[in-house]
Amino acid sequence: MIYLPNELSKISKNVISSNYLNLCLYETRKNDDYYEVLFDDYALVFINDGYKMIHTKKQDFTINKNEILFFTKGSYLIKDCVENNYYNSIIICFKESILIELIYKYKALLNSNFTTDEHIFKLNSNELLSSIFTSFLPCFSYKTNEDILKLKFEELFLALLYSKNNHSFLSFLKTIITNFKLSLYQIFSYCEQDFQSVNDMAKISNMSLTTFSKNFKQSFGISPKEWLDNKKFEKAKFLLEFSNKNITEICLEVGFNSPAWFISRYKKRYNKTPKQFQKSKNLYFLH
């Protein structure tokens, strides 16, 4: 059993990890037997060379060169088949939280009346989608920050929404919304508001902290504390780059109580201290 995205480094040396998504360039020169893969996140797979066979309880899939396969969370039997002694694919595993935010941002496009209960399906590719997938390749050669990866993923998401005959993808997105334990209004309100604590989020839902935390994780795929910290660090990063406030002021403004904790966690997340990032990016501090 291979667990993705946690074990991407076991199948490839070309892996980029971030808080929202994991990017992998997977290559092989042998026809493997079927092996079981458990996806803990959603995944998109784009085939550059060769083809892939997937076995499920309901049906078998074959995805060929320049085609896209969408995986929901779950376990699948997969075989990589080489052509001309080579198989190559791009794998993007992504959190439910980033998917929810994009659903909200582009909710006007989700006007499909189709329904689906599928957990894996092909997506129609085209020249634009192929070019977006291959545009991820330079990221493996040059250090790429999380903001660029998120923007590129948003570009891919939007291209999928606008592509023709994409009813399965649109229907799946609508299925996600209808299956949430939290109301649509509440989910989208979380994306727009600045909360200082998980307790504040639970209060707006009229739930106990325990019930809210359980339902939130079922809906978003991560704990509300992790989701809230991600939002706070995003805001802190923006303030570090575009304001003239000092580290302590920014720490307190985004809702962290301890500057020492903030500095330590920021460095672990971005491989730079807040001050190092500020000095390298902020015009107020550049000399």
C-alpha atoms as a PDB file:
ATOM      1  CA  MET A   1       0.000   0.000   0.000  1.00  0.00           C
ATOM      2  CA  ILE A   2       1.283   3.451  -0.943  1.00  0.00           C
ATOM      3  CA  TYR A   3      -0.140   6.403   1.005  1.00  0.00           C
ATOM      4  CA  LEU A   4      -0.375   9.645  -0.936  1.00  0.00           C
ATOM      5  CA  PRO A   5       0.600  12.404  -0.514  1.00  0.00           C
ATOM      6  CA  ASN A   6       2.610  11.370   2.576  1.00  0.00           C
ATOM      7  CA  GLU A   7       4.704   8.835   0.671  1.00  0.00           C
ATOM      8  CA  LEU A   8       5.270  10.701  -2.587  1.00  0.00           C
ATOM      9  CA  SER A   9       8.982  10.867  -1.773  1.00  0.00           C
ATOM     10  CA  LYS A  10       9.069   7.043  -1.898  1.00  0.00           C
ATOM     11  CA  ILE A  11       8.072   6.985  -5.563  1.00  0.00           C
ATOM     12  CA  SER A  12       9.906  10.086  -6.818  1.00  0.00           C
ATOM     13  CA  LYS A  13      12.767  12.428  -6.012  1.00  0.00           C
ATOM     14  CA  ASN A  14      10.877  15.262  -7.690  1.00  0.00           C
ATOM     15  CA  VAL A  15       8.349  16.302  -5.034  1.00  0.00           C
ATOM     16  CA  ILE A  16       7.265  19.770  -3.908  1.00  0.00           C
ATOM     17  CA  SER A  17       5.217  20.010  -0.732  1.00  0.00           C
ATOM     18  CA  SER A  18       3.220  22.910   0.668  1.00  0.00           C
ATOM     19  CA  ASN A  19       0.423  23.436   3.166  1.00  0.00           C
ATOM     20  CA  TYR A  20      -2.271  23.175   0.502  1.00  0.00           C
ATOM     21  CA  LEU A  21      -0.980  20.875  -2.210  1.00  0.00           C
ATOM     22  CA  ASN A  22       1.772  18.447  -3.133  1.00  0.00           C
ATOM     23  CA  LEU A  23       3.304  18.281  -6.598  1.00  0.00           C
ATOM     24  CA  CYS A  24       5.123  15.228  -7.936  1.00  0.00           C
ATOM     25  CA  LEU A  25       6.837  14.314 -11.206  1.00  0.00           C
ATOM     26  CA  TYR A  26       6.642  10.530 -11.392  1.00  0.00           C
ATOM     27  CA  GLU A  27       8.750   8.556 -13.879  1.00  0.00           C
ATOM     28  CA  THR A  28       9.385   4.844 -14.449  1.00  0.00           C
ATOM     29  CA  ARG A  29      10.796   2.595 -17.162  1.00  0.00           C
ATOM     30  CA  LYS A  30       9.098  -0.669 -16.187  1.00  0.00           C
ATOM     31  CA  ASN A  31       5.582  -2.036 -16.416  1.00  0.00           C
ATOM     32  CA  ASP A  32       4.597  -2.476 -12.793  1.00  0.00           C
ATOM     33  CA  ASP A  33       2.001  -4.961 -11.620  1.00  0.00           C
ATOM     34  CA  TYR A  34      -1.070  -3.480  -9.993  1.00  0.00           C
ATOM     35  CA  TYR A  35      -0.262  -1.795  -6.690  1.00  0.00           C
ATOM     36  CA  GLU A  36      -2.670  -0.320  -4.169  1.00  0.00           C
ATOM     37  CA  VAL A  37      -2.667   3.447  -3.605  1.00  0.00           C
ATOM     38  CA  LEU A  38      -4.570   5.185  -0.835  1.00  0.00           C
ATOM     39  CA  PHE A  39      -5.240   8.867  -1.506  1.00  0.00           C
ATOM     40  CA  ASP A  40      -5.664  10.840   1.717  1.00  0.00           C
ATOM     41  CA  ASP A  41      -6.252  14.000  -0.339  1.00  0.00           C
ATOM     42  CA  TYR A  42      -7.832  14.651  -3.727  1.00  0.00           C
ATOM     43  CA  ALA A  43      -5.563  14.223  -6.728  1.00  0.00           C
ATOM     44  CA  LEU A  44      -5.241  15.126 -10.393  1.00  0.00           C
ATOM     45  CA  VAL A  45      -2.954  13.021 -12.594  1.00  0.00           C
ATOM     46  CA  PHE A  46      -1.797  14.144 -16.029  1.00  0.00           C
ATOM     47  CA  ILE A  47      -0.043  11.594 -18.261  1.00  0.00           C
ATOM     48  CA  ASN A  48       2.964  12.904 -20.194  1.00  0.00           C
ATOM     49  CA  ASP A  49       4.117   9.548 -21.572  1.00  0.00           C
ATOM     50  CA  GLY A  50       2.784   5.987 -21.400  1.00  0.00           C
ATOM     51  CA  TYR A  51      -0.616   5.186 -19.950  1.00  0.00           C
ATOM     52  CA  LYS A  52      -2.160   4.234 -16.610  1.00  0.00           C
ATOM     53  CA  MET A  53      -4.697   1.516 -15.753  1.00  0.00           C
ATOM     54  CA  ILE A  54      -6.925   1.834 -12.680  1.00  0.00           C
ATOM     55  CA  HIS A  55      -9.139  -0.881 -11.231  1.00  0.00           C
ATOM     56  CA  THR A  56     -12.126  -0.088  -8.984  1.00  0.00           C
ATOM     57  CA  LYS A  57     -15.048  -2.147  -7.722  1.00  0.00           C
ATOM     58  CA  LYS A  58     -17.316  -0.624 -10.357  1.00  0.00           C
ATOM     59  CA  GLN A  59     -15.120  -0.448 -13.434  1.00  0.00           C
ATOM     60  CA  ASP A  60     -11.644  -0.242 -14.968  1.00  0.00           C
ATOM     61  CA  PHE A  61     -10.112   2.924 -16.350  1.00  0.00           C
ATOM     62  CA  THR A  62      -7.356   3.489 -18.873  1.00  0.00           C
ATOM     63  CA  ILE A  63      -5.895   6.962 -19.064  1.00  0.00           C
ATOM     64  CA  ASN A  64      -3.648   7.679 -22.034  1.00  0.00           C
ATOM     65  CA  LYS A  65      -1.027  10.254 -22.900  1.00  0.00           C
ATOM     66  CA  ASN A  66      -2.235  13.878 -22.525  1.00  0.00           C
ATOM     67  CA  GLU A  67      -5.306  12.777 -20.555  1.00  0.00           C
ATOM     68  CA  ILE A  68      -6.326  13.745 -17.007  1.00  0.00           C
ATOM     69  CA  LEU A  69      -7.659  11.558 -14.218  1.00  0.00           C
ATOM     70  CA  PHE A  70      -9.330  12.883 -11.078  1.00  0.00           C
ATOM     71  CA  PHE A  71      -9.156  10.865  -7.847  1.00  0.00           C
ATOM     72  CA  THR A  72     -11.289  11.485  -4.789  1.00  0.00           C
ATOM     73  CA  LYS A  73     -10.068  10.288  -1.411  1.00  0.00           C
ATOM     74  CA  GLY A  74      -9.873   6.526  -1.211  1.00  0.00           C
ATOM     75  CA  SER A  75      -8.018   3.386  -2.243  1.00  0.00           C
ATOM     76  CA  TYR A  76      -7.403   2.281  -5.837  1.00  0.00           C
ATOM     77  CA  LEU A  77      -5.486  -0.439  -7.689  1.00  0.00           C
ATOM     78  CA  ILE A  78      -3.180   1.192 -10.225  1.00  0.00           C
ATOM     79  CA  LYS A  79      -0.801  -0.036 -12.914  1.00  0.00           C
ATOM     80  CA  ASP A  80       1.666   2.220 -14.758  1.00  0.00           C
ATOM     81  CA  CYS A  81       2.240   1.076 -18.347  1.00  0.00           C
ATOM     82  CA  VAL A  82       5.288   2.263 -20.263  1.00  0.00           C
ATOM     83  CA  GLU A  83       5.451   3.098 -23.936  1.00  0.00           C
ATOM     84  CA  ASN A  84       8.833   3.273 -25.661  1.00  0.00           C
ATOM     85  CA  ASN A  85      10.346   2.147 -22.315  1.00  0.00           C
ATOM     86  CA  TYR A  86       9.091   5.207 -20.438  1.00  0.00           C
ATOM     87  CA  TYR A  87       6.179   6.345 -18.281  1.00  0.00           C
ATOM     88  CA  ASN A  88       5.879   9.916 -16.988  1.00  0.00           C
ATOM     89  CA  SER A  89       3.078  11.717 -15.157  1.00  0.00           C
ATOM     90  CA  ILE A  90       2.413  14.822 -13.075  1.00  0.00           C
ATOM     91  CA  ILE A  91       0.567  14.189  -9.812  1.00  0.00           C
ATOM     92  CA  ILE A  92      -1.101  17.010  -7.876  1.00  0.00           C
ATOM     93  CA  CYS A  93      -2.530  16.095  -4.466  1.00  0.00           C
ATOM     94  CA  PHE A  94      -4.514  18.896  -2.841  1.00  0.00           C
ATOM     95  CA  LYS A  95      -6.390  19.618   0.364  1.00  0.00           C
ATOM     96  CA  GLU A  96     -10.163  19.940   0.531  1.00  0.00           C
ATOM     97  CA  SER A  97      -9.733  23.379   2.104  1.00  0.00           C
ATOM     98  CA  ILE A  98      -8.215  24.931  -1.041  1.00  0.00           C
ATOM     99  CA  LEU A  99     -10.929  23.270  -3.125  1.00  0.00           C
ATOM    100  CA  ILE A 100     -13.654  24.816  -0.963  1.00  0.00           C
ATOM    101  CA  GLU A 101     -12.191  28.304  -1.286  1.00  0.00           C
ATOM    102  CA  LEU A 102     -12.036  27.992  -5.076  1.00  0.00           C
ATOM    103  CA  ILE A 103     -15.592  26.634  -5.166  1.00  0.00           C
ATOM    104  CA  TYR A 104     -16.699  29.762  -3.334  1.00  0.00           C
ATOM    105  CA  LYS A 105     -14.669  32.121  -5.496  1.00  0.00           C
ATOM    106  CA  TYR A 106     -16.085  30.686  -8.732  1.00  0.00           C
ATOM    107  CA  LYS A 107     -19.479  29.504  -7.454  1.00  0.00           C
ATOM    108  CA  ALA A 108     -21.261  31.333 -10.274  1.00  0.00           C
ATOM    109  CA  LEU A 109     -19.768  28.814 -12.706  1.00  0.00           C
ATOM    110  CA  LEU A 110     -21.187  25.815 -10.836  1.00  0.00           C
ATOM    111  CA  ASN A 111     -24.484  25.714 -12.715  1.00  0.00           C
ATOM    112  CA  SER A 112     -24.461  22.062 -13.717  1.00  0.00           C
ATOM    113  CA  ASN A 113     -27.663  20.071 -13.242  1.00  0.00           C
ATOM    114  CA  PHE A 114     -25.859  16.749 -13.600  1.00  0.00           C
ATOM    115  CA  THR A 115     -25.295  14.490 -10.608  1.00  0.00           C
ATOM    116  CA  THR A 116     -22.578  11.925  -9.981  1.00  0.00           C
ATOM    117  CA  ASP A 117     -21.644   9.385  -7.343  1.00  0.00           C
ATOM    118  CA  GLU A 118     -18.352   8.459  -9.005  1.00  0.00           C
ATOM    119  CA  HIS A 119     -15.122   8.581  -7.039  1.00  0.00           C
ATOM    120  CA  ILE A 120     -12.781   8.552 -10.005  1.00  0.00           C
ATOM    121  CA  PHE A 121     -13.263   9.838 -13.536  1.00  0.00           C
ATOM    122  CA  LYS A 122     -11.516  11.150 -16.592  1.00  0.00           C
ATOM    123  CA  LEU A 123     -11.499  14.837 -17.377  1.00  0.00           C
ATOM    124  CA  ASN A 124     -11.443  16.015 -20.941  1.00  0.00           C
ATOM    125  CA  SER A 125      -8.120  17.573 -21.767  1.00  0.00           C
ATOM    126  CA  ASN A 126      -7.308  20.230 -24.339  1.00  0.00           C
ATOM    127  CA  GLU A 127      -4.324  22.267 -25.428  1.00  0.00           C
ATOM    128  CA  LEU A 128      -4.822  24.838 -22.664  1.00  0.00           C
ATOM    129  CA  LEU A 129      -5.100  22.252 -19.880  1.00  0.00           C
ATOM    130  CA  SER A 130      -2.075  20.351 -21.191  1.00  0.00           C
ATOM    131  CA  SER A 131      -0.013  23.536 -21.270  1.00  0.00           C
ATOM    132  CA  ILE A 132      -1.004  24.391 -17.669  1.00  0.00           C
ATOM    133  CA  PHE A 133       0.031  20.965 -16.418  1.00  0.00           C
ATOM    134  CA  THR A 134       3.371  21.092 -18.213  1.00  0.00           C
ATOM    135  CA  SER A 135       3.941  24.626 -16.880  1.00  0.00           C
ATOM    136  CA  PHE A 136       4.407  22.976 -13.459  1.00  0.00           C
ATOM    137  CA  LEU A 137       7.556  21.216 -14.701  1.00  0.00           C
ATOM    138  CA  PRO A 138       9.965  24.182 -14.234  1.00  0.00           C
ATOM    139  CA  CYS A 139       8.906  24.258 -10.561  1.00  0.00           C
ATOM    140  CA  PHE A 140      11.027  21.139 -10.011  1.00  0.00           C
ATOM    141  CA  SER A 141      14.159  22.892 -11.277  1.00  0.00           C
ATOM    142  CA  TYR A 142      13.687  26.270  -9.614  1.00  0.00           C
ATOM    143  CA  LYS A 143      12.686  26.982  -6.043  1.00  0.00           C
ATOM    144  CA  THR A 144       8.987  27.848  -6.124  1.00  0.00           C
ATOM    145  CA  ASN A 145       7.113  29.430  -3.245  1.00  0.00           C
ATOM    146  CA  GLU A 146       3.680  28.436  -1.995  1.00  0.00           C
ATOM    147  CA  ASP A 147       1.941  31.520  -3.400  1.00  0.00           C
ATOM    148  CA  ILE A 148       3.006  30.669  -6.962  1.00  0.00           C
ATOM    149  CA  LEU A 149       1.848  27.070  -6.555  1.00  0.00           C
ATOM    150  CA  LYS A 150      -1.560  28.231  -5.307  1.00  0.00           C
ATOM    151  CA  LEU A 151      -1.972  30.625  -8.227  1.00  0.00           C
ATOM    152  CA  LYS A 152      -1.004  27.945 -10.731  1.00  0.00           C
ATOM    153  CA  PHE A 153      -3.457  25.526  -9.139  1.00  0.00           C
ATOM    154  CA  GLU A 154      -6.189  28.175  -9.297  1.00  0.00           C
ATOM    155  CA  GLU A 155      -5.413  28.634 -13.006  1.00  0.00           C
ATOM    156  CA  LEU A 156      -5.793  24.874 -13.495  1.00  0.00           C
ATOM    157  CA  PHE A 157      -9.047  24.785 -11.512  1.00  0.00           C
ATOM    158  CA  LEU A 158     -10.530  27.631 -13.558  1.00  0.00           C
ATOM    159  CA  ALA A 159      -9.480  26.017 -16.850  1.00  0.00           C
ATOM    160  CA  LEU A 160     -11.224  22.801 -15.765  1.00  0.00           C
ATOM    161  CA  LEU A 161     -14.414  24.720 -15.001  1.00  0.00           C
ATOM    162  CA  TYR A 162     -14.395  26.349 -18.444  1.00  0.00           C
ATOM    163  CA  SER A 163     -13.427  23.228 -20.401  1.00  0.00           C
ATOM    164  CA  LYS A 164     -16.079  21.561 -22.528  1.00  0.00           C
ATOM    165  CA  ASN A 165     -17.925  18.413 -21.443  1.00  0.00           C
ATOM    166  CA  ASN A 166     -16.775  18.791 -17.850  1.00  0.00           C
ATOM    167  CA  HIS A 167     -20.103  17.805 -16.290  1.00  0.00           C
ATOM    168  CA  SER A 168     -18.532  15.147 -14.058  1.00  0.00           C
ATOM    169  CA  PHE A 169     -16.150  17.637 -12.481  1.00  0.00           C
ATOM    170  CA  LEU A 170     -18.854  20.260 -11.926  1.00  0.00           C
ATOM    171  CA  SER A 171     -21.195  17.656 -10.487  1.00  0.00           C
ATOM    172  CA  PHE A 172     -18.524  16.407  -8.137  1.00  0.00           C
ATOM    173  CA  LEU A 173     -17.907  19.929  -6.820  1.00  0.00           C
ATOM    174  CA  LYS A 174     -21.610  20.353  -6.171  1.00  0.00           C
ATOM    175  CA  THR A 175     -21.659  16.950  -4.444  1.00  0.00           C
ATOM    176  CA  ILE A 176     -18.917  18.112  -2.087  1.00  0.00           C
ATOM    177  CA  ILE A 177     -21.036  21.086  -1.051  1.00  0.00           C
ATOM    178  CA  THR A 178     -24.227  19.081  -0.481  1.00  0.00           C
ATOM    179  CA  ASN A 179     -22.397  16.486   1.631  1.00  0.00           C
ATOM    180  CA  PHE A 180     -20.857  18.982   4.030  1.00  0.00           C
ATOM    181  CA  LYS A 181     -21.776  18.778   7.689  1.00  0.00           C
ATOM    182  CA  LEU A 182     -21.789  22.578   7.844  1.00  0.00           C
ATOM    183  CA  SER A 183     -24.184  24.812   5.968  1.00  0.00           C
ATOM    184  CA  LEU A 184     -23.081  26.416   2.723  1.00  0.00           C
ATOM    185  CA  TYR A 185     -23.465  29.877   4.243  1.00  0.00           C
ATOM    186  CA  GLN A 186     -21.265  28.983   7.191  1.00  0.00           C
ATOM    187  CA  ILE A 187     -18.536  27.457   5.045  1.00  0.00           C
ATOM    188  CA  PHE A 188     -18.329  30.447   2.751  1.00  0.00           C
ATOM    189  CA  SER A 189     -18.499  32.881   5.645  1.00  0.00           C
ATOM    190  CA  TYR A 190     -15.380  31.273   7.105  1.00  0.00           C
ATOM    191  CA  CYS A 191     -13.543  32.010   3.875  1.00  0.00           C
ATOM    192  CA  GLU A 192     -14.411  35.705   4.107  1.00  0.00           C
ATOM    193  CA  GLN A 193     -14.102  36.525   7.805  1.00  0.00           C
ATOM    194  CA  ASP A 194     -11.120  37.012  10.089  1.00  0.00           C
ATOM    195  CA  PHE A 195     -11.527  34.863  13.182  1.00  0.00           C
ATOM    196  CA  GLN A 196      -9.250  35.114  16.192  1.00  0.00           C
ATOM    197  CA  SER A 197     -10.006  31.645  17.556  1.00  0.00           C
ATOM    198  CA  VAL A 198     -11.781  28.370  16.841  1.00  0.00           C
ATOM    199  CA  ASN A 199     -14.210  29.276  19.640  1.00  0.00           C
ATOM    200  CA  ASP A 200     -15.327  32.305  17.602  1.00  0.00           C
ATOM    201  CA  MET A 201     -15.979  30.025  14.643  1.00  0.00           C
ATOM    202  CA  ALA A 202     -17.952  27.552  16.769  1.00  0.00           C
ATOM    203  CA  LYS A 203     -20.128  30.337  18.197  1.00  0.00           C
ATOM    204  CA  ILE A 204     -21.245  31.530  14.770  1.00  0.00           C
ATOM    205  CA  SER A 205     -22.328  27.944  14.038  1.00  0.00           C
ATOM    206  CA  ASN A 206     -24.242  27.579  17.317  1.00  0.00           C
ATOM    207  CA  MET A 207     -22.310  24.384  18.054  1.00  0.00           C
ATOM    208  CA  SER A 208     -20.182  23.169  20.914  1.00  0.00           C
ATOM    209  CA  LEU A 209     -16.446  23.347  20.279  1.00  0.00           C
ATOM    210  CA  THR A 210     -16.188  19.542  20.068  1.00  0.00           C
ATOM    211  CA  THR A 211     -19.084  19.138  17.622  1.00  0.00           C
ATOM    212  CA  PHE A 212     -17.946  22.054  15.494  1.00  0.00           C
ATOM    213  CA  SER A 213     -14.353  20.780  15.298  1.00  0.00           C
ATOM    214  CA  LYS A 214     -15.524  17.321  14.243  1.00  0.00           C
ATOM    215  CA  ASN A 215     -17.889  18.653  11.563  1.00  0.00           C
ATOM    216  CA  PHE A 216     -15.352  21.167  10.313  1.00  0.00           C
ATOM    217  CA  LYS A 217     -12.694  18.506   9.790  1.00  0.00           C
ATOM    218  CA  GLN A 218     -15.177  16.294   7.959  1.00  0.00           C
ATOM    219  CA  SER A 219     -16.028  19.198   5.652  1.00  0.00           C
ATOM    220  CA  PHE A 220     -12.616  20.785   5.119  1.00  0.00           C
ATOM    221  CA  GLY A 221     -10.291  17.829   5.536  1.00  0.00           C
ATOM    222  CA  ILE A 222      -8.208  19.646   8.173  1.00  0.00           C
ATOM    223  CA  SER A 223      -8.843  20.801  11.738  1.00  0.00           C
ATOM    224  CA  PRO A 224     -10.267  24.324  12.263  1.00  0.00           C
ATOM    225  CA  LYS A 225      -7.090  25.223  14.197  1.00  0.00           C
ATOM    226  CA  GLU A 226      -4.902  24.251  11.243  1.00  0.00           C
ATOM    227  CA  TRP A 227      -7.183  26.080   8.807  1.00  0.00           C
ATOM    228  CA  LEU A 228      -7.191  29.204  10.984  1.00  0.00           C
ATOM    229  CA  ASP A 229      -3.403  29.155  11.399  1.00  0.00           C
ATOM    230  CA  ASN A 230      -2.999  28.895   7.615  1.00  0.00           C
ATOM    231  CA  LYS A 231      -5.148  32.013   7.204  1.00  0.00           C
ATOM    232  CA  LYS A 232      -3.204  33.907   9.856  1.00  0.00           C
ATOM    233  CA  PHE A 233       0.161  33.048   8.331  1.00  0.00           C
ATOM    234  CA  GLU A 234      -1.070  34.132   4.888  1.00  0.00           C
ATOM    235  CA  LYS A 235      -2.094  37.510   6.339  1.00  0.00           C
ATOM    236  CA  ALA A 236       1.171  37.815   8.257  1.00  0.00           C
ATOM    237  CA  LYS A 237       3.146  37.128   5.094  1.00  0.00           C
ATOM    238  CA  PHE A 238       1.244  39.874   3.277  1.00  0.00           C
ATOM    239  CA  LEU A 239       1.837  42.393   6.085  1.00  0.00           C
ATOM    240  CA  LEU A 240       5.528  41.500   6.241  1.00  0.00           C
ATOM    241  CA  GLU A 241       5.869  42.295   2.557  1.00  0.00           C
ATOM    242  CA  PHE A 242       3.652  45.344   2.188  1.00  0.00           C
ATOM    243  CA  SER A 243       3.423  47.150   5.551  1.00  0.00           C
ATOM    244  CA  ASN A 244       5.961  49.005   7.687  1.00  0.00           C
ATOM    245  CA  LYS A 245       4.885  47.304  10.922  1.00  0.00           C
ATOM    246  CA  ASN A 246       7.364  45.435  13.066  1.00  0.00           C
ATOM    247  CA  ILE A 247       7.264  41.698  13.804  1.00  0.00           C
ATOM    248  CA  THR A 248       5.504  42.007  17.162  1.00  0.00           C
ATOM    249  CA  GLU A 249       2.813  44.287  15.738  1.00  0.00           C
ATOM    250  CA  ILE A 250       2.133  41.883  12.884  1.00  0.00           C
ATOM    251  CA  CYS A 251       2.112  38.884  15.213  1.00  0.00           C
ATOM    252  CA  LEU A 252      -0.554  40.467  17.435  1.00  0.00           C
ATOM    253  CA  GLU A 253      -2.590  41.848  14.527  1.00  0.00           C
ATOM    254  CA  VAL A 254      -3.064  38.446  12.900  1.00  0.00           C
ATOM    255  CA  GLY A 255      -4.072  36.885  16.217  1.00  0.00           C
ATOM    256  CA  PHE A 256      -0.967  35.169  17.602  1.00  0.00           C
ATOM    257  CA  ASN A 257      -0.170  35.948  21.243  1.00  0.00           C
ATOM    258  CA  SER A 258       3.496  34.946  21.358  1.00  0.00           C
ATOM    259  CA  PRO A 259       6.046  36.604  19.017  1.00  0.00           C
ATOM    260  CA  ALA A 260       8.574  33.867  19.859  1.00  0.00           C
ATOM    261  CA  TRP A 261       6.088  31.130  18.852  1.00  0.00           C
ATOM    262  CA  PHE A 262       5.160  33.068  15.713  1.00  0.00           C
ATOM    263  CA  ILE A 263       8.809  33.469  14.660  1.00  0.00           C
ATOM    264  CA  SER A 264       9.564  29.793  15.256  1.00  0.00           C
ATOM    265  CA  ARG A 265       6.515  28.541  13.352  1.00  0.00           C
ATOM    266  CA  TYR A 266       7.020  31.029  10.515  1.00  0.00           C
ATOM    267  CA  LYS A 267      10.595  29.830  10.000  1.00  0.00           C
ATOM    268  CA  LYS A 268       9.486  26.190  10.028  1.00  0.00           C
ATOM    269  CA  ARG A 269       6.782  26.935   7.471  1.00  0.00           C
ATOM    270  CA  TYR A 270       8.678  29.236   5.070  1.00  0.00           C
ATOM    271  CA  ASN A 271      12.364  28.408   5.815  1.00  0.00           C
ATOM    272  CA  LYS A 272      12.956  32.058   6.754  1.00  0.00           C
ATOM    273  CA  THR A 273      12.334  34.062   9.885  1.00  0.00           C
ATOM    274  CA  PRO A 274       9.722  36.835   9.558  1.00  0.00           C
ATOM    275  CA  LYS A 275      12.525  39.411   9.748  1.00  0.00           C
ATOM    276  CA  GLN A 276      14.539  37.705   7.009  1.00  0.00           C
ATOM    277  CA  PHE A 277      11.484  37.588   4.758  1.00  0.00           C
ATOM    278  CA  GLN A 278      10.631  41.204   5.531  1.00  0.00           C
ATOM    279  CA  LYS A 279      14.135  42.437   4.726  1.00  0.00           C
ATOM    280  CA  SER A 280      14.254  40.515   1.451  1.00  0.00           C
ATOM    281  CA  LYS A 281      10.794  41.526   0.159  1.00  0.00           C
ATOM    282  CA  ASN A 282       9.564  44.739   1.781  1.00  0.00           C
ATOM    283  CA  LEU A 283      10.435  48.037   0.112  1.00  0.00           C
ATOM    284  CA  TYR A 284      10.413  49.771   3.497  1.00  0.00           C
ATOM    285  CA  PHE A 285      13.311  47.583   4.594  1.00  0.00           C
ATOM    286  CA  LEU A 286      15.297  47.304   1.349  1.00  0.00           C
ATOM    287  CA  HIS A 287      18.423  49.448   1.241  1.00  0.00           C
END
